[in-house]
């Protein structure tokens, strides 16, 4: 009997019950939404808090399950002379690729994502599934996270691609994990509107006077982390002043603190 599958089904059943209760809440909430939004807009003007155009027509999304991919030497050996050429590859704990480049790949700090685009396409296993996240000058790393249906998997250690940079601003190697077997659960859930995600942050003191919201986008984070799989839920990423990332659960409207998926694993 597949206990992992049974646990996933049990958790998703619980989520579906929550979805029903949230749908009933939204029916009542929508009636007051317009008046509330107008009042909130006035508050933002008073506090000189600004935001750019928000995502439109995103009213529903789905919970998604996925499993970490286990790499094999035979599988990677088949693409060693094509995609993985010019690299020394080691598999760690079955789910992680660690690579050292035969020759460093030169970059500069401007337009890093654009510079690394061709390398991802041509030299990384399923490189087109990753989206640029950040440059960390202290750790000398460049991080990407996997995406599904155009939505990034924020701070997901099982869908992460990290490049290592030397003092000469050259890529010397990388570490890679990737999720697979994505499966959608339920017919969908109502998505908390982005303006309401901003209001939640404001009401909880996360947006001080004069804040500039430079980006708002929908992605996924790990809602439940099982031993061999995980359940992902929609989440709003709100970028403040071009540098600070704040997150709000797009289903229940709760503020989420993401610290590279330091979540308890359900056995």
Protein backbone atom coordinates (compact mmCIF):
# COMPACT_ATOMS: atom_id res chain seq x y z
CA UNK A 1 0.00 0.00 0.00
CA UNK A 2 1.36 3.44 -0.97
CA UNK A 3 1.25 5.24 2.40
CA UNK A 4 2.80 8.38 0.95
CA UNK A 5 -0.01 8.62 -1.58
CA UNK A 6 -2.64 8.00 1.13
CA UNK A 7 -1.16 10.76 3.29
CA UNK A 8 -1.21 13.17 0.37
CA UNK A 9 -4.85 12.35 -0.39
CA UNK A 10 -5.79 12.83 3.28
CA UNK A 11 -4.09 16.23 3.41
CA UNK A 12 -5.69 17.35 0.15
CA UNK A 13 -9.12 16.25 1.44
CA UNK A 14 -8.56 18.51 4.44
CA UNK A 15 -7.56 21.32 2.08
CA UNK A 16 -10.72 20.86 0.03
CA UNK A 17 -12.81 21.30 3.20
CA UNK A 18 -10.95 24.53 3.86
CA UNK A 19 -11.57 25.58 0.27
CA UNK A 20 -15.34 25.14 0.74
CA UNK A 21 -15.35 27.23 3.91
CA UNK A 22 -13.25 29.92 2.23
CA UNK A 23 -15.60 30.00 -0.77
CA UNK A 24 -18.52 30.66 1.57
CA UNK A 25 -16.52 33.43 3.20
CA UNK A 26 -15.68 35.01 -0.16
CA UNK A 27 -19.36 35.15 -1.16
CA UNK A 28 -20.02 37.43 1.80
CA UNK A 29 -16.69 39.21 1.56
CA UNK A 30 -17.16 40.28 -2.08
CA UNK A 31 -20.27 42.27 -1.21
CA UNK A 32 -18.20 44.61 0.95
CA UNK A 33 -15.04 44.46 -1.13
CA UNK A 34 -15.56 47.57 -3.28
CA UNK A 35 -16.22 49.91 -0.37
CA UNK A 36 -13.31 48.45 1.58
CA UNK A 37 -10.92 48.84 -1.36
CA UNK A 38 -11.85 52.49 -1.85
CA UNK A 39 -11.24 53.22 1.84
CA UNK A 40 -7.92 51.38 1.75
CA UNK A 41 -6.77 53.33 -1.31
CA UNK A 42 -7.29 56.55 0.68
CA UNK A 43 -5.14 55.14 3.49
CA UNK A 44 -2.34 54.39 1.05
CA UNK A 45 -2.41 57.93 -0.31
CA UNK A 46 -2.21 59.33 3.21
CA UNK A 47 0.78 57.10 3.99
CA UNK A 48 2.35 57.87 0.57
CA UNK A 49 2.50 54.16 -0.19
CA UNK A 50 2.57 53.47 -3.92
CA UNK A 51 2.27 50.37 -6.06
CA UNK A 52 2.58 49.62 -9.74
CA UNK A 53 -0.15 47.99 -11.81
CA UNK A 54 -1.36 44.81 -10.12
CA UNK A 55 -1.97 41.43 -11.78
CA UNK A 56 -5.46 41.21 -13.26
CA UNK A 57 -8.01 38.45 -13.81
CA UNK A 58 -6.38 36.01 -11.37
CA UNK A 59 -9.38 34.76 -9.45
CA UNK A 60 -8.68 31.05 -9.10
CA UNK A 61 -5.72 28.69 -8.84
CA UNK A 62 -4.98 25.16 -7.62
CA UNK A 63 -3.03 23.22 -5.04
CA UNK A 64 -0.24 21.21 -6.66
CA UNK A 65 1.73 18.19 -5.48
CA UNK A 66 5.24 17.26 -6.66
CA UNK A 67 8.14 14.96 -5.83
CA UNK A 68 11.91 15.59 -5.79
CA UNK A 69 13.61 14.02 -8.79
CA UNK A 70 16.15 11.28 -8.16
CA UNK A 71 19.06 11.46 -10.61
CA UNK A 72 20.95 8.43 -11.90
CA UNK A 73 24.39 8.16 -13.49
CA UNK A 74 22.91 6.39 -16.51
CA UNK A 75 20.41 9.19 -17.13
CA UNK A 76 22.97 11.98 -16.85
CA UNK A 77 25.50 9.96 -18.83
CA UNK A 78 23.20 10.08 -21.86
CA UNK A 79 23.46 13.90 -21.98
CA UNK A 80 27.07 14.19 -20.77
CA UNK A 81 28.33 14.99 -24.28
CA UNK A 82 25.50 17.40 -25.12
CA UNK A 83 23.75 19.35 -22.38
CA UNK A 84 26.28 18.64 -19.64
CA UNK A 85 29.41 19.05 -21.74
CA UNK A 86 32.37 20.82 -20.13
CA UNK A 87 31.33 19.85 -16.59
CA UNK A 88 32.38 17.34 -13.93
CA UNK A 89 29.15 16.02 -12.40
CA UNK A 90 28.59 14.41 -9.00
CA UNK A 91 25.23 13.14 -7.67
CA UNK A 92 24.65 13.78 -3.96
CA UNK A 93 21.90 12.02 -1.98
CA UNK A 94 20.22 11.00 -5.27
CA UNK A 95 18.41 14.35 -5.61
CA UNK A 96 21.24 16.87 -6.05
CA UNK A 97 23.59 17.56 -8.94
CA UNK A 98 26.90 19.19 -8.02
CA UNK A 99 28.91 20.41 -11.00
CA UNK A 100 32.36 21.93 -11.50
CA UNK A 101 32.94 23.67 -14.82
CA UNK A 102 36.03 22.68 -16.81
CA UNK A 103 36.46 26.35 -17.74
CA UNK A 104 34.96 29.26 -15.72
CA UNK A 105 32.05 31.08 -17.37
CA UNK A 106 32.62 34.89 -17.28
CA UNK A 107 29.79 37.24 -16.24
CA UNK A 108 29.35 40.73 -14.79
CA UNK A 109 26.92 42.03 -12.16
CA UNK A 110 24.64 43.76 -14.68
CA UNK A 111 21.83 41.81 -16.36
CA UNK A 112 22.94 38.52 -14.81
CA UNK A 113 19.76 36.69 -15.85
CA UNK A 114 20.20 37.78 -19.45
CA UNK A 115 23.85 36.69 -19.48
CA UNK A 116 23.11 33.26 -18.01
CA UNK A 117 20.07 32.65 -20.21
CA UNK A 118 21.96 30.82 -22.98
CA UNK A 119 23.88 28.73 -20.46
CA UNK A 120 20.66 27.59 -18.79
CA UNK A 121 19.16 26.67 -22.13
CA UNK A 122 22.18 24.77 -23.40
CA UNK A 123 24.12 23.44 -20.42
CA UNK A 124 21.71 22.82 -17.52
CA UNK A 125 19.39 19.84 -17.13
CA UNK A 126 15.93 21.23 -17.92
CA UNK A 127 17.35 24.73 -17.52
CA UNK A 128 14.29 26.33 -19.10
CA UNK A 129 12.26 25.37 -16.00
CA UNK A 130 14.18 27.81 -13.80
CA UNK A 131 13.65 31.52 -13.22
CA UNK A 132 16.16 34.02 -11.86
CA UNK A 133 15.79 34.89 -8.16
CA UNK A 134 18.70 36.85 -6.71
CA UNK A 135 22.43 37.59 -6.68
CA UNK A 136 24.03 37.24 -3.25
CA UNK A 137 27.27 39.22 -3.31
CA UNK A 138 28.23 38.14 0.21
CA UNK A 139 27.95 34.39 -0.50
CA UNK A 140 29.03 34.94 -4.12
CA UNK A 141 26.11 32.95 -5.46
CA UNK A 142 23.39 33.40 -8.07
CA UNK A 143 20.13 31.63 -7.31
CA UNK A 144 17.31 30.45 -9.54
CA UNK A 145 14.10 28.67 -8.53
CA UNK A 146 12.04 26.28 -10.58
CA UNK A 147 8.73 27.42 -12.03
CA UNK A 148 5.55 25.60 -13.02
CA UNK A 149 2.98 27.11 -15.37
CA UNK A 150 4.96 30.35 -15.24
CA UNK A 151 4.78 30.58 -11.44
CA UNK A 152 7.98 30.46 -9.42
CA UNK A 153 8.46 28.03 -6.51
CA UNK A 154 9.69 30.52 -3.93
CA UNK A 155 12.64 29.40 -1.77
CA UNK A 156 12.03 25.76 -2.57
CA UNK A 157 15.18 23.76 -1.76
CA UNK A 158 13.95 20.90 -3.95
CA UNK A 159 13.62 23.13 -7.01
CA UNK A 160 16.72 25.28 -6.72
CA UNK A 161 19.65 26.10 -8.99
CA UNK A 162 22.62 27.88 -7.39
CA UNK A 163 25.67 29.10 -9.32
CA UNK A 164 28.99 29.73 -7.56
CA UNK A 165 30.99 32.83 -8.52
CA UNK A 166 34.72 33.42 -7.95
CA UNK A 167 36.57 36.70 -7.27
CA UNK A 168 37.07 37.24 -11.02
CA UNK A 169 33.29 37.25 -11.57
CA UNK A 170 33.26 33.85 -13.23
CA UNK A 171 30.89 30.92 -12.73
CA UNK A 172 32.93 27.99 -11.43
CA UNK A 173 30.16 25.49 -10.75
CA UNK A 174 26.61 24.97 -9.57
CA UNK A 175 24.25 22.88 -7.45
CA UNK A 176 20.86 21.77 -8.77
CA UNK A 177 17.68 20.11 -7.51
CA UNK A 178 14.42 19.77 -9.40
CA UNK A 179 10.81 18.71 -8.73
CA UNK A 180 8.80 16.48 -11.05
CA UNK A 181 5.47 14.62 -11.26
CA UNK A 182 3.42 17.78 -10.79
CA UNK A 183 -0.24 17.00 -10.17
CA UNK A 184 -3.09 19.44 -9.62
CA UNK A 185 -5.63 18.79 -6.88
CA UNK A 186 -9.28 19.88 -6.81
CA UNK A 187 -11.09 22.05 -9.32
CA UNK A 188 -9.47 25.18 -8.01
CA UNK A 189 -9.59 27.67 -5.17
CA UNK A 190 -10.50 31.33 -4.95
CA UNK A 191 -7.41 33.52 -4.97
CA UNK A 192 -7.09 36.36 -2.47
CA UNK A 193 -6.96 39.57 -4.62
CA UNK A 194 -3.51 41.20 -4.78
CA UNK A 195 -4.82 44.52 -3.39
CA UNK A 196 -6.06 42.60 -0.34
CA UNK A 197 -2.64 41.00 0.08
CA UNK A 198 -1.18 44.50 0.18
CA UNK A 199 -3.83 45.55 2.71
CA UNK A 200 -2.94 42.59 4.93
CA UNK A 201 0.71 43.64 4.91
CA UNK A 202 -0.25 47.24 5.64
CA UNK A 203 -2.55 46.37 8.54
CA UNK A 204 0.20 44.24 10.07
CA UNK A 205 2.78 47.02 9.94
CA UNK A 206 4.82 45.54 7.10
CA UNK A 207 4.51 48.64 4.88
CA UNK A 208 5.95 51.75 6.57
CA UNK A 209 5.32 55.32 5.44
CA UNK A 210 6.54 56.01 1.90
CA UNK A 211 6.90 52.36 0.84
CA UNK A 212 7.11 51.72 -2.91
CA UNK A 213 5.69 48.37 -4.01
CA UNK A 214 7.68 47.58 -7.12
CA UNK A 215 6.33 44.13 -8.02
CA UNK A 216 3.43 41.83 -7.13
CA UNK A 217 3.32 38.34 -8.61
CA UNK A 218 1.75 34.95 -7.96
CA UNK A 219 3.86 31.88 -7.25
CA UNK A 220 3.92 28.76 -5.06
CA UNK A 221 5.36 27.74 -1.72
CA UNK A 222 5.44 24.43 0.14
CA UNK A 223 2.29 24.18 2.24
CA UNK A 224 2.93 20.60 3.38
CA UNK A 225 6.30 18.85 3.12
CA UNK A 226 5.96 15.06 3.23
CA UNK A 227 8.88 12.66 3.36
CA UNK A 228 8.82 11.94 -0.38
CA UNK A 229 6.61 14.69 -1.78
CA UNK A 230 5.19 18.13 -1.09
CA UNK A 231 1.95 20.04 -1.55
CA UNK A 232 2.30 23.53 -3.01
CA UNK A 233 -0.16 26.38 -2.48
CA UNK A 234 -0.50 29.71 -4.33
CA UNK A 235 1.22 32.68 -2.68
CA UNK A 236 1.56 36.38 -3.45
CA UNK A 237 5.08 37.80 -3.56
CA UNK A 238 5.12 41.53 -2.82
CA UNK A 239 8.44 43.31 -3.48
CA UNK A 240 8.95 46.51 -1.49
CA UNK A 241 11.41 49.21 -2.60
CA UNK A 242 12.87 46.81 -5.14
CA UNK A 243 14.61 44.66 -2.55
CA UNK A 244 12.43 43.32 0.28
CA UNK A 245 10.27 40.25 -0.40
CA UNK A 246 7.02 39.84 1.53
CA UNK A 247 4.68 36.87 1.08
CA UNK A 248 0.94 36.39 1.60
CA UNK A 249 -0.88 33.08 1.23
CA UNK A 250 -3.14 33.62 -1.79
CA UNK A 251 -5.82 31.26 -0.43
CA UNK A 252 -6.32 32.30 3.19
CA UNK A 253 -4.61 35.71 3.21
CA UNK A 254 -2.11 34.88 5.95
CA UNK A 255 1.37 36.48 5.96
CA UNK A 256 4.02 33.80 5.36
CA UNK A 257 7.62 33.96 6.57
CA UNK A 258 9.72 32.07 4.03
CA UNK A 259 13.18 31.05 5.17
CA UNK A 260 14.36 28.67 2.48
CA UNK A 261 11.72 26.11 3.37
CA UNK A 262 12.67 25.46 6.98
CA UNK A 263 9.47 23.44 7.41
CA UNK A 264 8.70 20.41 9.50
CA UNK A 265 8.50 17.27 7.42
CA UNK A 266 5.40 15.14 7.93
CA UNK A 267 6.54 11.55 8.22
